[in-house]
Amino acid sequence: MFTCKQVSQALSKEDYEKLSPTRRFLLRLHVKLCIFCGKFNRQVMDAQDMCRCYKQHEESVAEHRPKLDSAKKDQLKALLAAQSKSEKS
């Protein structure tokens, strides 16, 4: 079984999903059972899960994102510049 310090170090140094299945199981077991570090380390694990999910979805969305041609980009820049000038006045 891991100590609280070992669990915190393992989560801060690397992604827990990259650990061996046995170590990952013991780490999750400790986090579920420990009243001292459970809440914090659960949040760390959730944050890592969210980052991993975001990264996976970002790559798939980027492939289907429409590309702007230079004329559209120039139009947007002009609109933003005009808007910032009117806000300053």
N, C-alpha and C. Protein backbone atom coordinates (compact mmCIF):
# COMPACT_ATOMS: atom_id res chain seq x y z
N MET A 1 0.85 -1.19 0.00
CA MET A 1 0.00 0.00 0.00
C MET A 1 0.88 1.24 0.00
N PHE A 2 0.43 2.26 -0.68
CA PHE A 2 1.15 3.53 -0.77
C PHE A 2 0.93 4.36 0.49
N THR A 3 1.88 5.24 0.78
CA THR A 3 1.67 6.26 1.80
C THR A 3 1.09 7.49 1.11
N CYS A 4 0.58 8.41 1.91
CA CYS A 4 0.02 9.65 1.34
C CYS A 4 1.08 10.40 0.54
N LYS A 5 2.28 10.46 1.07
CA LYS A 5 3.35 11.17 0.40
C LYS A 5 3.69 10.51 -0.94
N GLN A 6 3.73 9.20 -0.99
CA GLN A 6 4.04 8.49 -2.23
C GLN A 6 2.95 8.73 -3.28
N VAL A 7 1.70 8.74 -2.84
CA VAL A 7 0.59 8.97 -3.77
C VAL A 7 0.69 10.38 -4.35
N SER A 8 0.92 11.36 -3.51
CA SER A 8 1.02 12.74 -3.98
C SER A 8 2.19 12.92 -4.93
N GLN A 9 3.32 12.30 -4.61
CA GLN A 9 4.48 12.40 -5.50
C GLN A 9 4.22 11.72 -6.83
N ALA A 10 3.60 10.54 -6.80
CA ALA A 10 3.31 9.82 -8.05
C ALA A 10 2.37 10.63 -8.93
N LEU A 11 1.39 11.28 -8.34
CA LEU A 11 0.43 12.07 -9.13
C LEU A 11 1.04 13.37 -9.64
N SER A 12 1.96 13.95 -8.88
CA SER A 12 2.53 15.22 -9.33
C SER A 12 3.62 15.02 -10.37
N LYS A 13 4.29 13.88 -10.36
CA LYS A 13 5.39 13.65 -11.29
C LYS A 13 4.94 13.12 -12.64
N GLU A 14 3.91 12.32 -12.66
CA GLU A 14 3.51 11.70 -13.92
C GLU A 14 2.01 11.48 -13.95
N ASP A 15 1.52 11.24 -15.12
CA ASP A 15 0.12 10.94 -15.31
C ASP A 15 -0.16 9.54 -14.76
N TYR A 16 -1.14 9.43 -13.89
CA TYR A 16 -1.39 8.13 -13.26
C TYR A 16 -1.84 7.07 -14.25
N GLU A 17 -2.36 7.46 -15.39
CA GLU A 17 -2.78 6.48 -16.40
C GLU A 17 -1.59 5.78 -17.04
N LYS A 18 -0.40 6.38 -16.93
CA LYS A 18 0.80 5.78 -17.51
C LYS A 18 1.46 4.78 -16.56
N LEU A 19 0.96 4.67 -15.33
CA LEU A 19 1.52 3.72 -14.37
C LEU A 19 1.12 2.30 -14.74
N SER A 20 1.83 1.35 -14.19
CA SER A 20 1.47 -0.06 -14.43
C SER A 20 0.09 -0.31 -13.82
N PRO A 21 -0.64 -1.30 -14.32
CA PRO A 21 -1.98 -1.56 -13.80
C PRO A 21 -2.01 -1.83 -12.29
N THR A 22 -1.01 -2.52 -11.78
CA THR A 22 -0.98 -2.82 -10.34
C THR A 22 -0.79 -1.55 -9.54
N ARG A 23 0.17 -0.73 -9.95
CA ARG A 23 0.42 0.53 -9.23
C ARG A 23 -0.78 1.47 -9.34
N ARG A 24 -1.41 1.50 -10.50
CA ARG A 24 -2.58 2.35 -10.69
C ARG A 24 -3.73 1.89 -9.79
N PHE A 25 -3.92 0.58 -9.67
CA PHE A 25 -4.96 0.04 -8.80
C PHE A 25 -4.69 0.42 -7.34
N LEU A 26 -3.44 0.22 -6.89
CA LEU A 26 -3.10 0.55 -5.51
C LEU A 26 -3.22 2.04 -5.24
N LEU A 27 -2.86 2.86 -6.21
CA LEU A 27 -2.98 4.30 -6.06
C LEU A 27 -4.45 4.70 -5.94
N ARG A 28 -5.29 4.17 -6.79
CA ARG A 28 -6.72 4.48 -6.73
C ARG A 28 -7.33 3.98 -5.43
N LEU A 29 -6.91 2.81 -4.98
CA LEU A 29 -7.42 2.25 -3.74
C LEU A 29 -7.06 3.16 -2.57
N HIS A 30 -5.83 3.62 -2.54
CA HIS A 30 -5.41 4.53 -1.47
C HIS A 30 -6.23 5.81 -1.49
N VAL A 31 -6.41 6.37 -2.68
CA VAL A 31 -7.16 7.63 -2.80
C VAL A 31 -8.60 7.45 -2.34
N LYS A 32 -9.20 6.31 -2.64
CA LYS A 32 -10.59 6.07 -2.22
C LYS A 32 -10.72 5.85 -0.72
N LEU A 33 -9.72 5.23 -0.11
CA LEU A 33 -9.82 4.87 1.29
C LEU A 33 -9.24 5.90 2.26
N CYS A 34 -8.32 6.72 1.80
CA CYS A 34 -7.61 7.64 2.70
C CYS A 34 -8.46 8.87 3.00
N ILE A 35 -8.67 9.14 4.28
CA ILE A 35 -9.45 10.32 4.66
C ILE A 35 -8.59 11.58 4.68
N PHE A 36 -7.27 11.41 4.69
CA PHE A 36 -6.37 12.57 4.80
C PHE A 36 -6.06 13.19 3.44
N CYS A 37 -5.73 12.38 2.46
CA CYS A 37 -5.32 12.96 1.17
C CYS A 37 -6.30 12.61 0.05
N GLY A 38 -7.33 11.87 0.36
CA GLY A 38 -8.26 11.41 -0.67
C GLY A 38 -8.87 12.51 -1.51
N LYS A 39 -9.39 13.54 -0.87
CA LYS A 39 -10.09 14.59 -1.61
C LYS A 39 -9.14 15.34 -2.54
N PHE A 40 -7.98 15.73 -2.02
CA PHE A 40 -7.01 16.47 -2.84
C PHE A 40 -6.56 15.62 -4.02
N ASN A 41 -6.13 14.40 -3.76
CA ASN A 41 -5.60 13.56 -4.83
C ASN A 41 -6.69 13.14 -5.81
N ARG A 42 -7.92 13.04 -5.36
CA ARG A 42 -9.04 12.77 -6.28
C ARG A 42 -9.18 13.94 -7.25
N GLN A 43 -9.03 15.16 -6.72
CA GLN A 43 -9.12 16.34 -7.58
C GLN A 43 -7.96 16.38 -8.58
N VAL A 44 -6.78 15.97 -8.15
CA VAL A 44 -5.63 15.92 -9.05
C VAL A 44 -5.91 14.91 -10.17
N MET A 45 -6.43 13.74 -9.80
CA MET A 45 -6.73 12.71 -10.79
C MET A 45 -7.82 13.19 -11.75
N ASP A 46 -8.84 13.86 -11.21
CA ASP A 46 -9.91 14.39 -12.07
C ASP A 46 -9.36 15.45 -13.03
N ALA A 47 -8.46 16.30 -12.54
CA ALA A 47 -7.87 17.33 -13.40
C ALA A 47 -7.05 16.70 -14.51
N GLN A 48 -6.30 15.65 -14.20
CA GLN A 48 -5.53 14.95 -15.23
C GLN A 48 -6.46 14.31 -16.25
N ASP A 49 -7.56 13.73 -15.78
CA ASP A 49 -8.54 13.13 -16.71
C ASP A 49 -9.14 14.19 -17.63
N MET A 50 -9.48 15.35 -17.06
CA MET A 50 -10.07 16.41 -17.87
C MET A 50 -9.08 16.93 -18.91
N CYS A 51 -7.82 17.10 -18.51
CA CYS A 51 -6.79 17.57 -19.45
C CYS A 51 -6.59 16.57 -20.57
N ARG A 52 -6.57 15.29 -20.23
CA ARG A 52 -6.39 14.25 -21.24
C ARG A 52 -7.57 14.25 -22.22
N CYS A 53 -8.77 14.35 -21.68
CA CYS A 53 -9.98 14.37 -22.51
C CYS A 53 -10.00 15.60 -23.41
N TYR A 54 -9.65 16.76 -22.85
CA TYR A 54 -9.61 17.99 -23.63
C TYR A 54 -8.61 17.88 -24.77
N LYS A 55 -7.45 17.34 -24.46
CA LYS A 55 -6.41 17.20 -25.48
C LYS A 55 -6.87 16.29 -26.61
N GLN A 56 -7.52 15.17 -26.28
CA GLN A 56 -8.01 14.25 -27.30
C GLN A 56 -9.08 14.92 -28.16
N HIS A 57 -10.00 15.65 -27.52
CA HIS A 57 -11.07 16.29 -28.28
C HIS A 57 -10.56 17.48 -29.08
N GLU A 58 -9.57 18.18 -28.54
CA GLU A 58 -9.02 19.32 -29.26
C GLU A 58 -8.40 18.88 -30.58
N GLU A 59 -7.68 17.77 -30.57
CA GLU A 59 -7.06 17.27 -31.79
C GLU A 59 -8.11 16.85 -32.82
N SER A 60 -9.19 16.21 -32.37
CA SER A 60 -10.21 15.78 -33.31
C SER A 60 -11.02 16.97 -33.85
N VAL A 61 -11.24 17.98 -33.02
CA VAL A 61 -11.99 19.16 -33.45
C VAL A 61 -11.14 20.00 -34.41
N ALA A 62 -9.84 20.07 -34.16
CA ALA A 62 -8.96 20.88 -35.00
C ALA A 62 -8.96 20.41 -36.45
N GLU A 63 -9.14 19.13 -36.66
CA GLU A 63 -9.17 18.60 -38.02
C GLU A 63 -10.39 19.10 -38.79
N HIS A 64 -11.50 19.36 -38.10
CA HIS A 64 -12.74 19.75 -38.76
C HIS A 64 -13.02 21.25 -38.66
N ARG A 65 -12.11 22.00 -38.06
CA ARG A 65 -12.31 23.42 -37.89
C ARG A 65 -12.14 24.11 -39.25
N PRO A 66 -13.08 24.97 -39.62
CA PRO A 66 -12.96 25.66 -40.91
C PRO A 66 -11.79 26.64 -40.89
N LYS A 67 -11.14 26.77 -42.02
CA LYS A 67 -9.98 27.67 -42.17
C LYS A 67 -10.46 29.00 -42.75
N LEU A 68 -9.93 30.09 -42.21
CA LEU A 68 -10.26 31.41 -42.73
C LEU A 68 -9.24 31.82 -43.78
N ASP A 69 -9.74 32.36 -44.88
CA ASP A 69 -8.80 32.87 -45.87
C ASP A 69 -8.31 34.25 -45.43
N SER A 70 -7.31 34.77 -46.09
CA SER A 70 -6.68 36.03 -45.66
C SER A 70 -7.64 37.21 -45.75
N ALA A 71 -8.56 37.20 -46.70
CA ALA A 71 -9.52 38.30 -46.83
C ALA A 71 -10.44 38.35 -45.61
N LYS A 72 -10.92 37.20 -45.17
CA LYS A 72 -11.79 37.14 -43.98
C LYS A 72 -11.02 37.57 -42.73
N LYS A 73 -9.77 37.15 -42.64
CA LYS A 73 -8.95 37.54 -41.49
C LYS A 73 -8.77 39.05 -41.45
N ASP A 74 -8.52 39.66 -42.61
CA ASP A 74 -8.36 41.11 -42.68
C ASP A 74 -9.64 41.82 -42.28
N GLN A 75 -10.79 41.30 -42.69
CA GLN A 75 -12.07 41.88 -42.32
C GLN A 75 -12.26 41.83 -40.80
N LEU A 76 -11.95 40.71 -40.21
CA LEU A 76 -12.09 40.58 -38.76
C LEU A 76 -11.15 41.52 -38.02
N LYS A 77 -9.93 41.64 -38.49
CA LYS A 77 -8.98 42.56 -37.86
C LYS A 77 -9.49 43.99 -37.93
N ALA A 78 -10.03 44.37 -39.08
CA ALA A 78 -10.56 45.73 -39.24
C ALA A 78 -11.74 45.97 -38.30
N LEU A 79 -12.62 44.99 -38.19
CA LEU A 79 -13.77 45.12 -37.29
C LEU A 79 -13.31 45.25 -35.83
N LEU A 80 -12.35 44.44 -35.43
CA LEU A 80 -11.85 44.51 -34.06
C LEU A 80 -11.15 45.84 -33.78
N ALA A 81 -10.38 46.32 -34.75
CA ALA A 81 -9.71 47.60 -34.58
C ALA A 81 -10.74 48.73 -34.46
N ALA A 82 -11.77 48.70 -35.28
CA ALA A 82 -12.81 49.73 -35.22
C ALA A 82 -13.55 49.67 -33.89
N GLN A 83 -13.81 48.46 -33.41
CA GLN A 83 -14.51 48.31 -32.15
C GLN A 83 -13.67 48.81 -30.98
N SER A 84 -12.38 48.53 -30.98
CA SER A 84 -11.52 48.98 -29.88
C SER A 84 -11.38 50.49 -29.90
N LYS A 85 -11.37 51.12 -31.10
CA LYS A 85 -11.30 52.58 -31.20
C LYS A 85 -12.58 53.22 -30.65
N SER A 86 -13.74 52.60 -30.96
CA SER A 86 -15.00 53.18 -30.48
C SER A 86 -15.14 53.00 -28.96
N GLU A 87 -14.56 51.95 -28.40
CA GLU A 87 -14.63 51.75 -26.94
C GLU A 87 -13.73 52.73 -26.21
N LYS A 88 -12.61 53.13 -26.82
CA LYS A 88 -11.67 54.07 -26.21
C LYS A 88 -12.24 55.49 -26.21
N SER A 89 -13.10 55.80 -27.17
CA SER A 89 -13.66 57.15 -27.30
C SER A 89 -14.73 57.42 -26.30
